[in-house]
Amino acid sequence: MSNFKQDRLAQCREMAAAKKAAGLRGMAGRINLEELAKRRGEIPNDNRGLTGIVMGDPIINDPRCPWRPKINMEAL
Protein backbone atom coordinates (compact mmCIF):
# COMPACT_ATOMS: atom_id res chain seq x y z
CA MET A 1 0.00 0.00 0.00
CA SER A 2 1.21 3.47 -0.72
CA ASN A 3 2.01 5.91 2.05
CA PHE A 4 -0.98 8.09 1.10
CA LYS A 5 -3.40 5.16 1.42
CA GLN A 6 -1.97 4.19 4.80
CA ASP A 7 -2.33 7.76 6.07
CA ARG A 8 -5.88 7.99 4.78
CA LEU A 9 -6.80 4.65 6.38
CA ALA A 10 -5.36 5.81 9.71
CA GLN A 11 -7.39 9.04 9.50
CA CYS A 12 -10.58 7.10 8.81
CA ARG A 13 -9.95 4.81 11.78
CA GLU A 14 -9.34 7.80 14.06
CA MET A 15 -12.54 9.47 12.88
CA ALA A 16 -14.55 6.29 13.41
CA ALA A 17 -13.16 5.89 16.92
CA ALA A 18 -13.97 9.53 17.74
CA LYS A 19 -17.54 9.15 16.47
CA LYS A 20 -18.01 5.98 18.49
CA ALA A 21 -16.68 7.65 21.65
CA ALA A 22 -18.93 10.69 21.11
CA GLY A 23 -21.96 8.44 20.69
CA LEU A 24 -21.26 6.66 23.95
CA ARG A 25 -20.88 9.96 25.79
CA GLY A 26 -24.21 11.12 24.35
CA MET A 27 -26.02 8.14 25.86
CA ALA A 28 -24.83 9.11 29.36
CA GLY A 29 -26.50 12.53 29.11
CA ARG A 30 -30.06 11.27 28.69
CA ILE A 31 -32.72 12.45 31.11
CA ASN A 32 -34.48 10.18 33.57
CA LEU A 33 -38.22 9.38 33.56
CA GLU A 34 -39.08 11.90 36.29
CA GLU A 35 -37.49 14.71 34.29
CA LEU A 36 -39.33 13.54 31.18
CA ALA A 37 -42.66 13.56 33.01
CA LYS A 38 -41.96 17.07 34.31
CA ARG A 39 -41.15 18.33 30.82
CA ARG A 40 -44.24 16.69 29.33
CA GLY A 41 -46.31 18.50 31.93
CA GLU A 42 -45.06 21.82 30.54
CA ILE A 43 -46.46 21.14 27.07
CA PRO A 44 -49.86 22.82 26.64
CA ASN A 45 -52.87 21.24 24.98
CA ASP A 46 -52.43 21.51 21.22
CA ASN A 47 -55.73 23.02 20.10
CA ARG A 48 -54.73 23.67 16.48
CA GLY A 49 -56.38 22.01 13.52
CA LEU A 50 -54.55 19.98 10.90
CA THR A 51 -53.99 23.06 8.73
CA GLY A 52 -52.53 24.99 11.67
CA ILE A 53 -50.13 22.16 12.50
CA VAL A 54 -48.98 21.78 8.90
CA MET A 55 -48.60 25.54 8.38
CA GLY A 56 -46.70 25.95 11.67
CA ASP A 57 -49.16 28.14 13.55
CA PRO A 58 -48.08 28.72 17.17
CA ILE A 59 -49.89 26.98 20.02
CA ILE A 60 -52.11 29.53 21.76
CA ASN A 61 -50.91 30.49 25.28
CA ASP A 62 -47.80 28.32 25.08
CA PRO A 63 -45.78 29.00 28.29
CA ARG A 64 -42.59 27.74 26.61
CA CYS A 65 -42.66 30.79 24.28
CA PRO A 66 -42.93 33.88 26.52
CA TRP A 67 -42.18 36.25 23.63
CA ARG A 68 -45.51 35.50 21.96
CA PRO A 69 -48.53 37.56 23.02
CA LYS A 70 -51.08 35.86 25.27
CA ILE A 71 -54.60 35.37 23.93
CA ASN A 72 -57.64 35.20 26.17
CA MET A 73 -59.51 32.10 24.98
CA GLU A 74 -62.76 33.13 26.70
CA ALA A 75 -62.89 36.31 24.61
CA LEU A 76 -62.76 34.30 21.38
PDB file of N, CA and C in Angstrom:
ATOM      1  N   MET A   1       0.844  -1.176   0.000  1.00  0.00           N
ATOM      2  CA  MET A   1       0.000   0.000   0.000  1.00  0.00           C
ATOM      3  C   MET A   1       0.888   1.236   0.000  1.00  0.00           C
ATOM      4  N   SER A   2       0.419   2.245  -0.670  1.00  0.00           N
ATOM      5  CA  SER A   2       1.211   3.471  -0.720  1.00  0.00           C
ATOM      6  C   SER A   2       1.076   4.221   0.610  1.00  0.00           C
ATOM      7  N   ASN A   3       1.988   5.138   0.808  1.00  0.00           N
ATOM      8  CA  ASN A   3       2.009   5.905   2.049  1.00  0.00           C
ATOM      9  C   ASN A   3       0.741   6.747   2.195  1.00  0.00           C
ATOM     10  N   PHE A   4       0.240   7.284   1.075  1.00  0.00           N
ATOM     11  CA  PHE A   4      -0.982   8.086   1.096  1.00  0.00           C
ATOM     12  C   PHE A   4      -2.181   7.247   1.568  1.00  0.00           C
ATOM     13  N   LYS A   5      -2.288   6.027   1.046  1.00  0.00           N
ATOM     14  CA  LYS A   5      -3.398   5.160   1.418  1.00  0.00           C
ATOM     15  C   LYS A   5      -3.327   4.780   2.890  1.00  0.00           C
ATOM     16  N   GLN A   6      -2.129   4.535   3.386  1.00  0.00           N
ATOM     17  CA  GLN A   6      -1.972   4.194   4.798  1.00  0.00           C
ATOM     18  C   GLN A   6      -2.365   5.364   5.691  1.00  0.00           C
ATOM     19  N   ASP A   7      -1.965   6.570   5.296  1.00  0.00           N
ATOM     20  CA  ASP A   7      -2.327   7.759   6.074  1.00  0.00           C
ATOM     21  C   ASP A   7      -3.836   7.976   6.069  1.00  0.00           C
ATOM     22  N   ARG A   8      -4.433   7.800   4.912  1.00  0.00           N
ATOM     23  CA  ARG A   8      -5.883   7.987   4.784  1.00  0.00           C
ATOM     24  C   ARG A   8      -6.647   6.950   5.598  1.00  0.00           C
ATOM     25  N   LEU A   9      -6.182   5.709   5.600  1.00  0.00           N
ATOM     26  CA  LEU A   9      -6.803   4.653   6.377  1.00  0.00           C
ATOM     27  C   LEU A   9      -6.695   4.954   7.873  1.00  0.00           C
ATOM     28  N   ALA A  10      -5.551   5.458   8.300  1.00  0.00           N
ATOM     29  CA  ALA A  10      -5.361   5.814   9.705  1.00  0.00           C
ATOM     30  C   ALA A  10      -6.296   6.957  10.105  1.00  0.00           C
ATOM     31  N   GLN A  11      -6.476   7.931   9.215  1.00  0.00           N
ATOM     32  CA  GLN A  11      -7.389   9.043   9.499  1.00  0.00           C
ATOM     33  C   GLN A  11      -8.827   8.546   9.637  1.00  0.00           C
ATOM     34  N   CYS A  12      -9.222   7.645   8.761  1.00  0.00           N
ATOM     35  CA  CYS A  12     -10.578   7.102   8.812  1.00  0.00           C
ATOM     36  C   CYS A  12     -10.816   6.327  10.098  1.00  0.00           C
ATOM     37  N   ARG A  13      -9.832   5.567  10.530  1.00  0.00           N
ATOM     38  CA  ARG A  13      -9.951   4.811  11.776  1.00  0.00           C
ATOM     39  C   ARG A  13     -10.057   5.750  12.972  1.00  0.00           C
ATOM     40  N   GLU A  14      -9.276   6.829  12.970  1.00  0.00           N
ATOM     41  CA  GLU A  14      -9.344   7.802  14.059  1.00  0.00           C
ATOM     42  C   GLU A  14     -10.711   8.479  14.104  1.00  0.00           C
ATOM     43  N   MET A  15     -11.227   8.832  12.929  1.00  0.00           N
ATOM     44  CA  MET A  15     -12.538   9.472  12.877  1.00  0.00           C
ATOM     45  C   MET A  15     -13.631   8.525  13.358  1.00  0.00           C
ATOM     46  N   ALA A  16     -13.554   7.266  12.983  1.00  0.00           N
ATOM     47  CA  ALA A  16     -14.547   6.286  13.408  1.00  0.00           C
ATOM     48  C   ALA A  16     -14.497   6.087  14.920  1.00  0.00           C
ATOM     49  N   ALA A  17     -13.295   6.045  15.476  1.00  0.00           N
ATOM     50  CA  ALA A  17     -13.155   5.886  16.924  1.00  0.00           C
ATOM     51  C   ALA A  17     -13.707   7.113  17.657  1.00  0.00           C
ATOM     52  N   ALA A  18     -13.457   8.307  17.114  1.00  0.00           N
ATOM     53  CA  ALA A  18     -13.968   9.532  17.741  1.00  0.00           C
ATOM     54  C   ALA A  18     -15.486   9.573  17.698  1.00  0.00           C
ATOM     55  N   LYS A  19     -16.084   9.165  16.570  1.00  0.00           N
ATOM     56  CA  LYS A  19     -17.540   9.146  16.467  1.00  0.00           C
ATOM     57  C   LYS A  19     -18.147   8.146  17.437  1.00  0.00           C
ATOM     58  N   LYS A  20     -17.513   6.999  17.576  1.00  0.00           N
ATOM     59  CA  LYS A  20     -18.005   5.981  18.495  1.00  0.00           C
ATOM     60  C   LYS A  20     -17.941   6.485  19.926  1.00  0.00           C
ATOM     61  N   ALA A  21     -16.835   7.129  20.296  1.00  0.00           N
ATOM     62  CA  ALA A  21     -16.683   7.653  21.653  1.00  0.00           C
ATOM     63  C   ALA A  21     -17.703   8.758  21.917  1.00  0.00           C
ATOM     64  N   ALA A  22     -17.952   9.614  20.942  1.00  0.00           N
ATOM     65  CA  ALA A  22     -18.926  10.687  21.108  1.00  0.00           C
ATOM     66  C   ALA A  22     -20.330  10.120  21.283  1.00  0.00           C
ATOM     67  N   GLY A  23     -20.642   9.066  20.569  1.00  0.00           N
ATOM     68  CA  GLY A  23     -21.957   8.440  20.692  1.00  0.00           C
ATOM     69  C   GLY A  23     -22.166   7.843  22.055  1.00  0.00           C
ATOM     70  N   LEU A  24     -21.147   7.244  22.621  1.00  0.00           N
ATOM     71  CA  LEU A  24     -21.263   6.659  23.947  1.00  0.00           C
ATOM     72  C   LEU A  24     -21.419   7.735  25.007  1.00  0.00           C
ATOM     73  N   ARG A  25     -20.736   8.870  24.831  1.00  0.00           N
ATOM     74  CA  ARG A  25     -20.880   9.965  25.790  1.00  0.00           C
ATOM     75  C   ARG A  25     -22.282  10.551  25.708  1.00  0.00           C
ATOM     76  N   GLY A  26     -22.867  10.580  24.520  1.00  0.00           N
ATOM     77  CA  GLY A  26     -24.208  11.118  24.352  1.00  0.00           C
ATOM     78  C   GLY A  26     -25.265  10.297  25.076  1.00  0.00           C
ATOM     79  N   MET A  27     -25.079   9.009  25.171  1.00  0.00           N
ATOM     80  CA  MET A  27     -26.019   8.144  25.864  1.00  0.00           C
ATOM     81  C   MET A  27     -26.044   8.444  27.352  1.00  0.00           C
ATOM     82  N   ALA A  28     -24.913   8.864  27.924  1.00  0.00           N
ATOM     83  CA  ALA A  28     -24.835   9.109  29.357  1.00  0.00           C
ATOM     84  C   ALA A  28     -25.598  10.375  29.744  1.00  0.00           C
ATOM     85  N   GLY A  29     -25.842  11.283  28.803  1.00  0.00           N
ATOM     86  CA  GLY A  29     -26.498  12.534  29.109  1.00  0.00           C
ATOM     87  C   GLY A  29     -28.012  12.499  28.984  1.00  0.00           C
ATOM     88  N   ARG A  30     -28.603  11.346  28.844  1.00  0.00           N
ATOM     89  CA  ARG A  30     -30.058  11.272  28.690  1.00  0.00           C
ATOM     90  C   ARG A  30     -30.753  11.583  30.010  1.00  0.00           C
ATOM     91  N   ILE A  31     -31.991  12.080  29.915  1.00  0.00           N
ATOM     92  CA  ILE A  31     -32.724  12.447  31.112  1.00  0.00           C
ATOM     93  C   ILE A  31     -33.460  11.236  31.664  1.00  0.00           C
ATOM     94  N   ASN A  32     -33.777  11.299  32.948  1.00  0.00           N
ATOM     95  CA  ASN A  32     -34.485  10.177  33.571  1.00  0.00           C
ATOM     96  C   ASN A  32     -35.991  10.346  33.379  1.00  0.00           C
ATOM     97  N   LEU A  33     -36.783   9.375  33.807  1.00  0.00           N
ATOM     98  CA  LEU A  33     -38.218   9.378  33.563  1.00  0.00           C
ATOM     99  C   LEU A  33     -38.931  10.482  34.328  1.00  0.00           C
ATOM    100  N   GLU A  34     -38.449  10.827  35.529  1.00  0.00           N
ATOM    101  CA  GLU A  34     -39.081  11.904  36.293  1.00  0.00           C
ATOM    102  C   GLU A  34     -38.922  13.246  35.569  1.00  0.00           C
ATOM    103  N   GLU A  35     -37.725  13.485  35.034  1.00  0.00           N
ATOM    104  CA  GLU A  35     -37.485  14.713  34.289  1.00  0.00           C
ATOM    105  C   GLU A  35     -38.343  14.746  33.029  1.00  0.00           C
ATOM    106  N   LEU A  36     -38.489  13.611  32.376  1.00  0.00           N
ATOM    107  CA  LEU A  36     -39.325  13.539  31.178  1.00  0.00           C
ATOM    108  C   LEU A  36     -40.781  13.844  31.510  1.00  0.00           C
ATOM    109  N   ALA A  37     -41.280  13.296  32.605  1.00  0.00           N
ATOM    110  CA  ALA A  37     -42.664  13.559  33.010  1.00  0.00           C
ATOM    111  C   ALA A  37     -42.857  15.031  33.336  1.00  0.00           C
ATOM    112  N   LYS A  38     -41.866  15.648  33.978  1.00  0.00           N
ATOM    113  CA  LYS A  38     -41.956  17.070  34.313  1.00  0.00           C
ATOM    114  C   LYS A  38     -42.001  17.917  33.044  1.00  0.00           C
ATOM    115  N   ARG A  39     -41.164  17.575  32.072  1.00  0.00           N
ATOM    116  CA  ARG A  39     -41.147  18.332  30.818  1.00  0.00           C
ATOM    117  C   ARG A  39     -42.421  18.130  30.013  1.00  0.00           C
ATOM    118  N   ARG A  40     -42.976  16.928  30.052  1.00  0.00           N
ATOM    119  CA  ARG A  40     -44.239  16.689  29.329  1.00  0.00           C
ATOM    120  C   ARG A  40     -45.380  17.475  29.948  1.00  0.00           C
ATOM    121  N   GLY A  41     -45.293  17.705  31.262  1.00  0.00           N
ATOM    122  CA  GLY A  41     -46.311  18.502  31.934  1.00  0.00           C
ATOM    123  C   GLY A  41     -46.286  19.956  31.504  1.00  0.00           C
ATOM    124  N   GLU A  42     -45.184  20.441  30.990  1.00  0.00           N
ATOM    125  CA  GLU A  42     -45.065  21.821  30.543  1.00  0.00           C
ATOM    126  C   GLU A  42     -45.695  22.049  29.169  1.00  0.00           C
ATOM    127  N   ILE A  43     -45.928  21.001  28.420  1.00  0.00           N
ATOM    128  CA  ILE A  43     -46.464  21.139  27.069  1.00  0.00           C
ATOM    129  C   ILE A  43     -47.962  21.413  27.156  1.00  0.00           C
ATOM    130  N   PRO A  44     -48.428  22.519  26.576  1.00  0.00           N
ATOM    131  CA  PRO A  44     -49.857  22.825  26.642  1.00  0.00           C
ATOM    132  C   PRO A  44     -50.660  21.948  25.685  1.00  0.00           C
ATOM    133  N   ASN A  45     -51.980  21.984  25.861  1.00  0.00           N
ATOM    134  CA  ASN A  45     -52.868  21.245  24.983  1.00  0.00           C
ATOM    135  C   ASN A  45     -52.793  21.849  23.584  1.00  0.00           C
ATOM    136  N   ASP A  46     -52.539  21.036  22.601  1.00  0.00           N
ATOM    137  CA  ASP A  46     -52.432  21.511  21.221  1.00  0.00           C
ATOM    138  C   ASP A  46     -53.830  21.599  20.633  1.00  0.00           C
ATOM    139  N   ASN A  47     -54.363  22.823  20.547  1.00  0.00           N
ATOM    140  CA  ASN A  47     -55.729  23.017  20.096  1.00  0.00           C
ATOM    141  C   ASN A  47     -55.805  23.467  18.642  1.00  0.00           C
ATOM    142  N   ARG A  48     -54.726  23.275  17.887  1.00  0.00           N
ATOM    143  CA  ARG A  48     -54.725  23.669  16.477  1.00  0.00           C
ATOM    144  C   ARG A  48     -55.352  22.571  15.630  1.00  0.00           C
ATOM    145  N   GLY A  49     -55.854  22.973  14.481  1.00  0.00           N
ATOM    146  CA  GLY A  49     -56.377  22.013  13.523  1.00  0.00           C
ATOM    147  C   GLY A  49     -55.234  21.471  12.666  1.00  0.00           C
ATOM    148  N   LEU A  50     -55.558  20.577  11.759  1.00  0.00           N
ATOM    149  CA  LEU A  50     -54.546  19.984  10.895  1.00  0.00           C
ATOM    150  C   LEU A  50     -53.837  21.044  10.060  1.00  0.00           C
ATOM    151  N   THR A  51     -54.600  22.001   9.537  1.00  0.00           N
ATOM    152  CA  THR A  51     -53.987  23.061   8.733  1.00  0.00           C
ATOM    153  C   THR A  51     -53.018  23.886   9.569  1.00  0.00           C
ATOM    154  N   GLY A  52     -53.393  24.214  10.797  1.00  0.00           N
ATOM    155  CA  GLY A  52     -52.527  24.988  11.674  1.00  0.00           C
ATOM    156  C   GLY A  52     -51.242  24.260  12.009  1.00  0.00           C
ATOM    157  N   ILE A  53     -51.328  22.955  12.204  1.00  0.00           N
ATOM    158  CA  ILE A  53     -50.134  22.158  12.500  1.00  0.00           C
ATOM    159  C   ILE A  53     -49.211  22.129  11.293  1.00  0.00           C
ATOM    160  N   VAL A  54     -49.785  21.876  10.118  1.00  0.00           N
ATOM    161  CA  VAL A  54     -48.979  21.779   8.902  1.00  0.00           C
ATOM    162  C   VAL A  54     -48.351  23.123   8.555  1.00  0.00           C
ATOM    163  N   MET A  55     -49.095  24.212   8.731  1.00  0.00           N
ATOM    164  CA  MET A  55     -48.598  25.536   8.383  1.00  0.00           C
ATOM    165  C   MET A  55     -47.702  26.138   9.462  1.00  0.00           C
ATOM    166  N   GLY A  56     -47.607  25.493  10.623  1.00  0.00           N
ATOM    167  CA  GLY A  56     -46.697  25.954  11.670  1.00  0.00           C
ATOM    168  C   GLY A  56     -47.248  27.061  12.537  1.00  0.00           C
ATOM    169  N   ASP A  57     -48.574  27.142  12.673  1.00  0.00           N
ATOM    170  CA  ASP A  57     -49.155  28.141  13.554  1.00  0.00           C
ATOM    171  C   ASP A  57     -48.710  27.876  14.994  1.00  0.00           C
ATOM    172  N   PRO A  58     -48.504  28.933  15.781  1.00  0.00           N
ATOM    173  CA  PRO A  58     -48.085  28.720  17.170  1.00  0.00           C
ATOM    174  C   PRO A  58     -49.231  28.173  18.016  1.00  0.00           C
ATOM    175  N   ILE A  59     -48.893  27.471  19.072  1.00  0.00           N
ATOM    176  CA  ILE A  59     -49.885  26.984  20.020  1.00  0.00           C
ATOM    177  C   ILE A  59     -50.297  28.168  20.876  1.00  0.00           C
ATOM    178  N   ILE A  60     -51.600  28.381  21.010  1.00  0.00           N
ATOM    179  CA  ILE A  60     -52.107  29.529  21.758  1.00  0.00           C
ATOM    180  C   ILE A  60     -51.779  29.361  23.239  1.00  0.00           C
ATOM    181  N   ASN A  61     -51.274  30.430  23.857  1.00  0.00           N
ATOM    182  CA  ASN A  61     -50.915  30.487  25.280  1.00  0.00           C
ATOM    183  C   ASN A  61     -49.862  29.451  25.650  1.00  0.00           C
ATOM    184  N   ASP A  62     -48.879  29.269  24.822  1.00  0.00           N
ATOM    185  CA  ASP A  62     -47.797  28.321  25.081  1.00  0.00           C
ATOM    186  C   ASP A  62     -46.817  28.948  26.075  1.00  0.00           C
ATOM    187  N   PRO A  63     -46.679  28.395  27.291  1.00  0.00           N
ATOM    188  CA  PRO A  63     -45.782  28.996  28.286  1.00  0.00           C
ATOM    189  C   PRO A  63     -44.301  28.825  27.936  1.00  0.00           C
ATOM    190  N   ARG A  64     -43.987  27.934  26.994  1.00  0.00           N
ATOM    191  CA  ARG A  64     -42.589  27.741  26.611  1.00  0.00           C
ATOM    192  C   ARG A  64     -42.100  28.849  25.697  1.00  0.00           C
ATOM    193  N   CYS A  65     -43.011  29.695  25.199  1.00  0.00           N
ATOM    194  CA  CYS A  65     -42.663  30.792  24.283  1.00  0.00           C
ATOM    195  C   CYS A  65     -43.148  32.106  24.876  1.00  0.00           C
ATOM    196  N   PRO A  66     -42.438  32.671  25.852  1.00  0.00           N
ATOM    197  CA  PRO A  66     -42.925  33.883  26.524  1.00  0.00           C
ATOM    198  C   PRO A  66     -42.919  35.120  25.629  1.00  0.00           C
ATOM    199  N   TRP A  67     -42.229  35.090  24.500  1.00  0.00           N
ATOM    200  CA  TRP A  67     -42.179  36.253  23.628  1.00  0.00           C
ATOM    201  C   TRP A  67     -43.449  36.423  22.805  1.00  0.00           C
ATOM    202  N   ARG A  68     -44.283  35.392  22.721  1.00  0.00           N
ATOM    203  CA  ARG A  68     -45.511  35.495  21.957  1.00  0.00           C
ATOM    204  C   ARG A  68     -46.595  36.143  22.816  1.00  0.00           C
ATOM    205  N   PRO A  69     -47.467  36.933  22.235  1.00  0.00           N
ATOM    206  CA  PRO A  69     -48.531  37.558  23.024  1.00  0.00           C
ATOM    207  C   PRO A  69     -49.538  36.517  23.512  1.00  0.00           C
ATOM    208  N   LYS A  70     -50.080  36.767  24.692  1.00  0.00           N
ATOM    209  CA  LYS A  70     -51.081  35.862  25.267  1.00  0.00           C
ATOM    210  C   LYS A  70     -52.449  36.198  24.686  1.00  0.00           C
ATOM    211  N   ILE A  71     -53.258  35.185  24.476  1.00  0.00           N
ATOM    212  CA  ILE A  71     -54.604  35.374  23.932  1.00  0.00           C
ATOM    213  C   ILE A  71     -55.589  34.839  24.966  1.00  0.00           C
ATOM    214  N   ASN A  72     -56.610  35.626  25.244  1.00  0.00           N
ATOM    215  CA  ASN A  72     -57.643  35.196  26.166  1.00  0.00           C
ATOM    216  C   ASN A  72     -58.630  34.310  25.396  1.00  0.00           C
ATOM    217  N   MET A  73     -58.666  33.031  25.722  1.00  0.00           N
ATOM    218  CA  MET A  73     -59.510  32.098  24.976  1.00  0.00           C
ATOM    219  C   MET A  73     -60.992  32.343  25.229  1.00  0.00           C
ATOM    220  N   GLU A  74     -61.361  32.876  26.419  1.00  0.00           N
ATOM    221  CA  GLU A  74     -62.762  33.132  26.697  1.00  0.00           C
ATOM    222  C   GLU A  74     -63.311  34.245  25.813  1.00  0.00           C
ATOM    223  N   ALA A  75     -62.461  35.195  25.439  1.00  0.00           N
ATOM    224  CA  ALA A  75     -62.891  36.306  24.609  1.00  0.00           C
ATOM    225  C   ALA A  75     -63.162  35.862  23.172  1.00  0.00           C
ATOM    226  N   LEU A  76     -62.545  34.779  22.741  1.00  0.00           N
ATOM    227  CA  LEU A  76     -62.760  34.299  21.377  1.00  0.00           C
ATOM    228  C   LEU A  76     -64.019  33.528  21.353  1.00  0.00           C
TER     229      LEU A  76
END
